[in-house]
């Protein structure tokens, strides 16, 4: 499973149900490895299913209907989350220097 599952803490069943488990290569010891496009696909499916509350069938249909827009929306959401984290870190830094009354 490696990076893709650790990154999202997703269950193997999500990957298998998408058919990506069969696309994985294997090392001589039997460890699966995935291409970056497979990891990106898992991240997108995770976003649709876990964060937006869609079913796997609904996520599959959304990707089929308008994949580029879905990818762009997921990128925007991720960037907004990063900005939020940066702003909260700045707020905490300012709060640390603020005089306590």
Protein backbone atom coordinates (compact mmCIF):
# COMPACT_ATOMS: atom_id res chain seq x y z
CA UNK A 1 0.00 0.00 0.00
CA UNK A 2 2.74 2.46 0.93
CA UNK A 3 2.53 6.18 0.33
CA UNK A 4 -0.96 6.34 -1.15
CA UNK A 5 -2.70 4.78 1.82
CA UNK A 6 -0.50 6.34 4.47
CA UNK A 7 -1.07 9.75 2.89
CA UNK A 8 -4.83 9.52 3.22
CA UNK A 9 -5.18 6.90 5.92
CA UNK A 10 -7.58 5.25 3.52
CA UNK A 11 -8.55 1.62 3.61
CA UNK A 12 -7.28 -0.80 1.02
CA UNK A 13 -10.88 -1.50 0.01
CA UNK A 14 -11.20 1.98 -1.52
CA UNK A 15 -8.23 1.29 -3.78
CA UNK A 16 -9.38 -2.19 -4.69
CA UNK A 17 -12.92 -1.05 -5.46
CA UNK A 18 -11.48 1.50 -7.88
CA UNK A 19 -9.54 -1.26 -9.63
CA UNK A 20 -6.20 0.36 -8.87
CA UNK A 21 -4.97 -2.57 -6.82
CA UNK A 22 -4.58 -4.59 -10.01
CA UNK A 23 -2.56 -1.76 -11.57
CA UNK A 24 0.08 -1.91 -8.85
CA UNK A 25 3.51 -3.26 -9.59
CA UNK A 26 5.18 -5.58 -7.14
CA UNK A 27 8.72 -5.92 -5.90
CA UNK A 28 10.45 -9.27 -5.68
CA UNK A 29 9.28 -9.50 -2.04
CA UNK A 30 5.66 -8.93 -3.09
CA UNK A 31 5.38 -5.35 -1.86
CA UNK A 32 3.02 -3.29 -4.02
CA UNK A 33 4.11 0.02 -5.46
CA UNK A 34 2.06 2.60 -7.30
CA UNK A 35 2.80 5.22 -9.94
CA UNK A 36 2.25 8.88 -9.11
CA UNK A 37 -0.90 8.91 -11.26
CA UNK A 38 -2.32 6.08 -9.14
CA UNK A 39 -1.58 8.02 -5.93
CA UNK A 40 -3.17 11.15 -7.42
CA UNK A 41 -6.26 9.14 -8.38
CA UNK A 42 -6.55 7.74 -4.84
CA UNK A 43 -6.21 11.26 -3.42
CA UNK A 44 -8.99 12.50 -5.72
CA UNK A 45 -11.29 9.57 -4.90
CA UNK A 46 -10.59 10.08 -1.19
CA UNK A 47 -11.55 13.76 -1.55
CA UNK A 48 -14.84 12.89 -3.24
CA UNK A 49 -15.80 9.99 -0.98
CA UNK A 50 -14.51 10.98 2.47
CA UNK A 51 -14.48 14.77 2.32
CA UNK A 52 -17.47 15.48 0.07
CA UNK A 53 -19.55 12.48 1.19
CA UNK A 54 -20.08 10.86 -2.20
CA UNK A 55 -20.47 7.14 -2.76
CA UNK A 56 -17.84 5.33 -4.81
CA UNK A 57 -20.34 5.02 -7.66
CA UNK A 58 -21.09 8.73 -7.44
CA UNK A 59 -17.39 9.61 -7.41
CA UNK A 60 -16.77 7.36 -10.40
CA UNK A 61 -19.63 9.07 -12.30
CA UNK A 62 -18.38 12.56 -11.39
CA UNK A 63 -14.92 11.70 -12.67
CA UNK A 64 -16.42 10.24 -15.83
CA UNK A 65 -18.58 13.32 -16.45
CA UNK A 66 -16.08 16.07 -15.72
CA UNK A 67 -12.69 14.90 -14.53
CA UNK A 68 -10.74 18.11 -15.20
CA UNK A 69 -13.13 20.32 -13.21
CA UNK A 70 -13.15 17.81 -10.36
CA UNK A 71 -9.35 17.73 -10.28
CA UNK A 72 -9.20 21.53 -10.29
CA UNK A 73 -11.75 21.79 -7.46
CA UNK A 74 -9.77 19.31 -5.37
CA UNK A 75 -6.58 21.31 -5.97
CA UNK A 76 -8.34 24.52 -4.90
CA UNK A 77 -9.67 22.89 -1.72
CA UNK A 78 -6.20 21.59 -0.85
CA UNK A 79 -4.62 24.99 -1.46
CA UNK A 80 -7.24 26.70 0.71
CA UNK A 81 -6.50 24.21 3.50
CA UNK A 82 -2.79 25.08 3.25
CA UNK A 83 -3.56 28.79 3.41
CA UNK A 84 -5.76 28.24 6.45
CA UNK A 85 -2.95 26.35 8.21
CA UNK A 86 -0.48 29.15 7.39
CA UNK A 87 -2.87 31.83 8.68
CA UNK A 88 -3.54 29.90 11.89
CA UNK A 89 0.21 29.52 12.43
CA UNK A 90 0.64 33.28 11.93
CA UNK A 91 -2.19 33.97 14.39
CA UNK A 92 -0.56 31.71 16.97
CA UNK A 93 2.75 33.50 16.46
CA UNK A 94 1.10 36.91 16.94
CA UNK A 95 -0.79 35.68 19.99
CA UNK A 96 2.48 34.55 21.55
CA UNK A 97 3.82 38.14 21.39
CA UNK A 98 0.61 39.88 22.43
CA UNK A 99 0.66 41.39 25.91
CA UNK A 100 -1.48 39.50 28.38
CA UNK A 101 -3.89 41.68 30.28
